[in-house]
Amino acid sequence: MTVRTILTWPDGGLSAMCTPVEAITDEIRILAADMLETMYAAPGRGLAAPQIGVLQRLFVMDATWKEGTATPVICINPEVISRGSEETTNAEGCLSIPGVTANVTRPTEVRMVWTDLSGRVHEEDLTGFSALCAQHELDHLDGIVTLDRVDAEQRAEILAAYEAA
């Protein structure tokens, strides 16, 4: 496994729409392993393929490892198929916009479908931090960063802090 370089904003690859993974190949397995290694080393809780320059619909996440229990999830061609009505606003960090957070409002529950490395399709309800993390990573696959989820005033504040760092 290799720790890869994480692209930082305003790299153009972070704004690109990703293409579906066509087949689960050895290349995809190596990519997923490298992404987990990179995420843990960063240290983050999620990482999407475009953050390391690969414009494919794949992300990894582990919502619990910082509390002591590693539960890595590899999501190939993920899709949210429904969202709960309850929302929360949280300070979100992003490995591609280091050193700053943005107050982002998202549903606290989502139903998501994805394929794992063995080709098995999962359809699960995600709640709490897992739901928020998955939505953040899915945004990356659609070329959306946290800066795109805030109003103009907060964006200006975030950019000022980011550029000063």
C-alpha atoms as a PDB file:
ATOM      1  CA  MET A   1       0.000   0.000   0.000  1.00  0.00           C
ATOM      2  CA  THR A   2       1.101   3.510  -0.763  1.00  0.00           C
ATOM      3  CA  VAL A   3       0.264   6.814   0.866  1.00  0.00           C
ATOM      4  CA  ARG A   4      -0.704   9.054  -2.017  1.00  0.00           C
ATOM      5  CA  THR A   5      -0.615  12.843  -2.279  1.00  0.00           C
ATOM      6  CA  ILE A   6      -3.902  14.521  -1.433  1.00  0.00           C
ATOM      7  CA  LEU A   7      -4.831  17.326  -3.812  1.00  0.00           C
ATOM      8  CA  THR A   8      -5.685  20.645  -2.206  1.00  0.00           C
ATOM      9  CA  TRP A   9      -8.151  23.288  -3.227  1.00  0.00           C
ATOM     10  CA  PRO A  10      -8.272  25.001  -5.740  1.00  0.00           C
ATOM     11  CA  ASP A  11      -6.938  22.064  -7.794  1.00  0.00           C
ATOM     12  CA  GLY A  12      -9.263  21.688 -10.803  1.00  0.00           C
ATOM     13  CA  GLY A  13      -9.665  17.936 -10.272  1.00  0.00           C
ATOM     14  CA  LEU A  14     -11.662  18.667  -7.123  1.00  0.00           C
ATOM     15  CA  SER A  15     -14.347  20.320  -9.277  1.00  0.00           C
ATOM     16  CA  ALA A  16     -14.670  17.503 -11.797  1.00  0.00           C
ATOM     17  CA  MET A  17     -17.530  15.032 -12.080  1.00  0.00           C
ATOM     18  CA  CYS A  18     -16.258  11.481 -11.675  1.00  0.00           C
ATOM     19  CA  THR A  19     -17.030   8.584 -13.986  1.00  0.00           C
ATOM     20  CA  PRO A  20     -18.407   5.248 -12.766  1.00  0.00           C
ATOM     21  CA  VAL A  21     -16.068   2.383 -11.985  1.00  0.00           C
ATOM     22  CA  GLU A  22     -16.697  -0.041 -14.855  1.00  0.00           C
ATOM     23  CA  ALA A  23     -15.143  -3.168 -13.323  1.00  0.00           C
ATOM     24  CA  ILE A  24     -13.547  -4.197 -10.054  1.00  0.00           C
ATOM     25  CA  THR A  25     -10.009  -4.903 -11.176  1.00  0.00           C
ATOM     26  CA  ASP A  26      -6.688  -5.347  -9.389  1.00  0.00           C
ATOM     27  CA  GLU A  27      -6.067  -1.670 -10.173  1.00  0.00           C
ATOM     28  CA  ILE A  28      -9.257  -0.705  -8.292  1.00  0.00           C
ATOM     29  CA  ARG A  29      -8.315  -2.966  -5.356  1.00  0.00           C
ATOM     30  CA  ILE A  30      -4.876  -1.326  -5.144  1.00  0.00           C
ATOM     31  CA  LEU A  31      -6.478   2.122  -5.426  1.00  0.00           C
ATOM     32  CA  ALA A  32      -8.870   1.352  -2.545  1.00  0.00           C
ATOM     33  CA  ALA A  33      -6.041   0.017  -0.359  1.00  0.00           C
ATOM     34  CA  ASP A  34      -3.914   3.085  -1.104  1.00  0.00           C
ATOM     35  CA  MET A  35      -6.872   5.355  -0.338  1.00  0.00           C
ATOM     36  CA  LEU A  36      -7.403   3.748   3.082  1.00  0.00           C
ATOM     37  CA  GLU A  37      -3.682   4.015   3.838  1.00  0.00           C
ATOM     38  CA  THR A  38      -3.709   7.679   2.758  1.00  0.00           C
ATOM     39  CA  MET A  39      -6.873   8.463   4.755  1.00  0.00           C
ATOM     40  CA  TYR A  40      -5.508   6.944   7.974  1.00  0.00           C
ATOM     41  CA  ALA A  41      -2.132   8.664   7.525  1.00  0.00           C
ATOM     42  CA  ALA A  42      -3.731  12.088   6.898  1.00  0.00           C
ATOM     43  CA  PRO A  43      -5.465  11.415   9.481  1.00  0.00           C
ATOM     44  CA  GLY A  44      -9.015  11.615   8.149  1.00  0.00           C
ATOM     45  CA  ARG A  45     -12.276   9.716   8.293  1.00  0.00           C
ATOM     46  CA  GLY A  46     -13.052   9.713   4.586  1.00  0.00           C
ATOM     47  CA  LEU A  47     -11.297  10.111   1.261  1.00  0.00           C
ATOM     48  CA  ALA A  48     -12.686  10.228  -2.261  1.00  0.00           C
ATOM     49  CA  ALA A  49     -10.764   9.141  -5.356  1.00  0.00           C
ATOM     50  CA  PRO A  50     -10.683  12.642  -6.934  1.00  0.00           C
ATOM     51  CA  GLN A  51      -8.845  13.885  -3.846  1.00  0.00           C
ATOM     52  CA  ILE A  52      -5.864  11.842  -5.022  1.00  0.00           C
ATOM     53  CA  GLY A  53      -6.350  12.678  -8.680  1.00  0.00           C
ATOM     54  CA  VAL A  54      -8.433   9.681  -9.791  1.00  0.00           C
ATOM     55  CA  LEU A  55     -11.709  10.781 -11.363  1.00  0.00           C
ATOM     56  CA  GLN A  56     -13.700   7.644 -10.615  1.00  0.00           C
ATOM     57  CA  ARG A  57     -16.755   7.114  -8.378  1.00  0.00           C
ATOM     58  CA  LEU A  58     -15.091   5.514  -5.380  1.00  0.00           C
ATOM     59  CA  PHE A  59     -14.606   6.629  -1.801  1.00  0.00           C
ATOM     60  CA  VAL A  60     -13.428   5.115   1.453  1.00  0.00           C
ATOM     61  CA  MET A  61     -14.484   6.024   4.955  1.00  0.00           C
ATOM     62  CA  ASP A  62     -14.064   4.914   8.533  1.00  0.00           C
ATOM     63  CA  ALA A  63     -16.332   6.869  10.845  1.00  0.00           C
ATOM     64  CA  THR A  64     -15.195   5.142  14.053  1.00  0.00           C
ATOM     65  CA  TRP A  65     -11.451   4.520  13.922  1.00  0.00           C
ATOM     66  CA  LYS A  66     -10.527   7.649  15.868  1.00  0.00           C
ATOM     67  CA  GLU A  67     -12.584   6.291  18.769  1.00  0.00           C
ATOM     68  CA  GLY A  68     -10.587   3.053  18.677  1.00  0.00           C
ATOM     69  CA  THR A  69     -12.538   0.659  16.462  1.00  0.00           C
ATOM     70  CA  ALA A  70     -11.585   0.567  12.801  1.00  0.00           C
ATOM     71  CA  THR A  71     -14.558  -0.092  10.512  1.00  0.00           C
ATOM     72  CA  PRO A  72     -13.322   0.754   7.005  1.00  0.00           C
ATOM     73  CA  VAL A  73     -15.895   0.910   4.225  1.00  0.00           C
ATOM     74  CA  ILE A  74     -15.056   0.973   0.516  1.00  0.00           C
ATOM     75  CA  CYS A  75     -17.847   2.414  -1.624  1.00  0.00           C
ATOM     76  CA  ILE A  76     -17.763   1.859  -5.371  1.00  0.00           C
ATOM     77  CA  ASN A  77     -20.323   3.757  -7.454  1.00  0.00           C
ATOM     78  CA  PRO A  78     -22.187   4.959  -4.343  1.00  0.00           C
ATOM     79  CA  GLU A  79     -25.551   6.642  -4.590  1.00  0.00           C
ATOM     80  CA  VAL A  80     -27.888   8.168  -2.015  1.00  0.00           C
ATOM     81  CA  ILE A  81     -31.360   6.832  -2.765  1.00  0.00           C
ATOM     82  CA  SER A  82     -33.203   8.686   0.007  1.00  0.00           C
ATOM     83  CA  ARG A  83     -32.574  11.332   2.632  1.00  0.00           C
ATOM     84  CA  GLY A  84     -34.175  11.773   6.034  1.00  0.00           C
ATOM     85  CA  SER A  85     -36.070  14.969   6.809  1.00  0.00           C
ATOM     86  CA  GLU A  86     -34.060  15.882   9.933  1.00  0.00           C
ATOM     87  CA  GLU A  87     -30.980  18.011   9.300  1.00  0.00           C
ATOM     88  CA  THR A  88     -28.033  19.139  11.366  1.00  0.00           C
ATOM     89  CA  THR A  89     -25.343  21.765  10.895  1.00  0.00           C
ATOM     90  CA  ASN A  90     -21.803  20.697  11.771  1.00  0.00           C
ATOM     91  CA  ALA A  91     -18.309  22.039  11.310  1.00  0.00           C
ATOM     92  CA  GLU A  92     -16.864  19.943   8.487  1.00  0.00           C
ATOM     93  CA  GLY A  93     -13.198  19.634   7.776  1.00  0.00           C
ATOM     94  CA  CYS A  94     -11.780  18.402   4.497  1.00  0.00           C
ATOM     95  CA  LEU A  95      -8.390  16.859   3.760  1.00  0.00           C
ATOM     96  CA  SER A  96      -8.333  18.870   0.517  1.00  0.00           C
ATOM     97  CA  ILE A  97      -8.927  22.177   2.330  1.00  0.00           C
ATOM     98  CA  PRO A  98      -6.596  21.678   5.297  1.00  0.00           C
ATOM     99  CA  GLY A  99      -6.738  23.827   8.380  1.00  0.00           C
ATOM    100  CA  VAL A 100     -10.270  25.192   7.984  1.00  0.00           C
ATOM    101  CA  THR A 101     -13.805  24.037   8.688  1.00  0.00           C
ATOM    102  CA  ALA A 102     -17.137  25.008   7.196  1.00  0.00           C
ATOM    103  CA  ASN A 103     -20.561  24.902   8.837  1.00  0.00           C
ATOM    104  CA  VAL A 104     -22.491  22.596   6.517  1.00  0.00           C
ATOM    105  CA  THR A 105     -26.123  21.536   6.879  1.00  0.00           C
ATOM    106  CA  ARG A 106     -26.951  17.969   5.843  1.00  0.00           C
ATOM    107  CA  PRO A 107     -29.586  15.310   6.539  1.00  0.00           C
ATOM    108  CA  THR A 108     -28.759  13.175   9.590  1.00  0.00           C
ATOM    109  CA  GLU A 109     -29.889  10.006   7.821  1.00  0.00           C
ATOM    110  CA  VAL A 110     -29.459   8.703   4.291  1.00  0.00           C
ATOM    111  CA  ARG A 111     -30.168   5.429   2.539  1.00  0.00           C
ATOM    112  CA  MET A 112     -27.219   4.621   0.317  1.00  0.00           C
ATOM    113  CA  VAL A 113     -26.410   1.887  -2.172  1.00  0.00           C
ATOM    114  CA  TRP A 114     -22.879   0.948  -3.237  1.00  0.00           C
ATOM    115  CA  THR A 115     -20.752  -1.967  -4.375  1.00  0.00           C
ATOM    116  CA  ASP A 116     -17.819  -3.311  -2.352  1.00  0.00           C
ATOM    117  CA  LEU A 117     -14.554  -4.801  -3.645  1.00  0.00           C
ATOM    118  CA  SER A 118     -16.041  -8.292  -3.821  1.00  0.00           C
ATOM    119  CA  GLY A 119     -18.810  -7.047  -6.132  1.00  0.00           C
ATOM    120  CA  ARG A 120     -21.484  -7.316  -3.431  1.00  0.00           C
ATOM    121  CA  VAL A 121     -24.138  -4.594  -3.534  1.00  0.00           C
ATOM    122  CA  HIS A 122     -24.987  -2.960  -0.201  1.00  0.00           C
ATOM    123  CA  GLU A 123     -28.092  -0.936   0.559  1.00  0.00           C
ATOM    124  CA  GLU A 124     -27.992   0.535   4.049  1.00  0.00           C
ATOM    125  CA  ASP A 125     -29.362   3.311   6.201  1.00  0.00           C
ATOM    126  CA  LEU A 126     -26.555   5.499   7.495  1.00  0.00           C
ATOM    127  CA  THR A 127     -27.141   7.754  10.483  1.00  0.00           C
ATOM    128  CA  GLY A 128     -25.240  10.326  12.482  1.00  0.00           C
ATOM    129  CA  PHE A 129     -21.609  10.888  11.612  1.00  0.00           C
ATOM    130  CA  SER A 130     -21.543   7.996   9.117  1.00  0.00           C
ATOM    131  CA  ALA A 131     -24.324   9.674   7.126  1.00  0.00           C
ATOM    132  CA  LEU A 132     -22.582  13.055   7.221  1.00  0.00           C
ATOM    133  CA  CYS A 133     -19.232  11.572   6.212  1.00  0.00           C
ATOM    134  CA  ALA A 134     -20.723   9.605   3.311  1.00  0.00           C
ATOM    135  CA  GLN A 135     -22.524  12.703   1.996  1.00  0.00           C
ATOM    136  CA  HIS A 136     -19.295  14.722   2.186  1.00  0.00           C
ATOM    137  CA  GLU A 137     -17.385  12.069   0.229  1.00  0.00           C
ATOM    138  CA  LEU A 138     -20.200  11.694  -2.312  1.00  0.00           C
ATOM    139  CA  ASP A 139     -20.022  15.449  -2.888  1.00  0.00           C
ATOM    140  CA  HIS A 140     -16.393  14.998  -3.967  1.00  0.00           C
ATOM    141  CA  LEU A 141     -17.486  12.484  -6.621  1.00  0.00           C
ATOM    142  CA  ASP A 142     -19.787  15.179  -8.027  1.00  0.00           C
ATOM    143  CA  GLY A 143     -17.090  17.883  -8.016  1.00  0.00           C
ATOM    144  CA  ILE A 144     -18.478  19.607  -4.916  1.00  0.00           C
ATOM    145  CA  VAL A 145     -16.331  20.780  -1.976  1.00  0.00           C
ATOM    146  CA  THR A 146     -17.480  22.193   1.357  1.00  0.00           C
ATOM    147  CA  LEU A 147     -16.937  25.723   0.017  1.00  0.00           C
ATOM    148  CA  ASP A 148     -19.786  25.036  -2.411  1.00  0.00           C
ATOM    149  CA  ARG A 149     -22.139  24.212   0.497  1.00  0.00           C
ATOM    150  CA  VAL A 150     -21.899  27.527   2.354  1.00  0.00           C
ATOM    151  CA  ASP A 151     -23.185  31.058   1.821  1.00  0.00           C
ATOM    152  CA  ALA A 152     -21.027  33.808   0.324  1.00  0.00           C
ATOM    153  CA  GLU A 153     -20.138  35.321   3.715  1.00  0.00           C
ATOM    154  CA  GLN A 154     -18.914  32.048   5.216  1.00  0.00           C
ATOM    155  CA  ARG A 155     -17.082  31.212   1.985  1.00  0.00           C
ATOM    156  CA  ALA A 156     -15.208  34.533   2.125  1.00  0.00           C
ATOM    157  CA  GLU A 157     -14.242  33.900   5.777  1.00  0.00           C
ATOM    158  CA  ILE A 158     -13.061  30.367   5.003  1.00  0.00           C
ATOM    159  CA  LEU A 159     -11.043  31.509   1.994  1.00  0.00           C
ATOM    160  CA  ALA A 160      -9.386  34.273   4.021  1.00  0.00           C
ATOM    161  CA  ALA A 161      -8.388  31.771   6.730  1.00  0.00           C
ATOM    162  CA  TYR A 162      -7.224  29.229   4.138  1.00  0.00           C
ATOM    163  CA  GLU A 163      -5.127  31.721   2.221  1.00  0.00           C
ATOM    164  CA  ALA A 164      -3.594  33.047   5.452  1.00  0.00           C
ATOM    165  CA  ALA A 165      -2.509  29.551   6.528  1.00  0.00           C
END
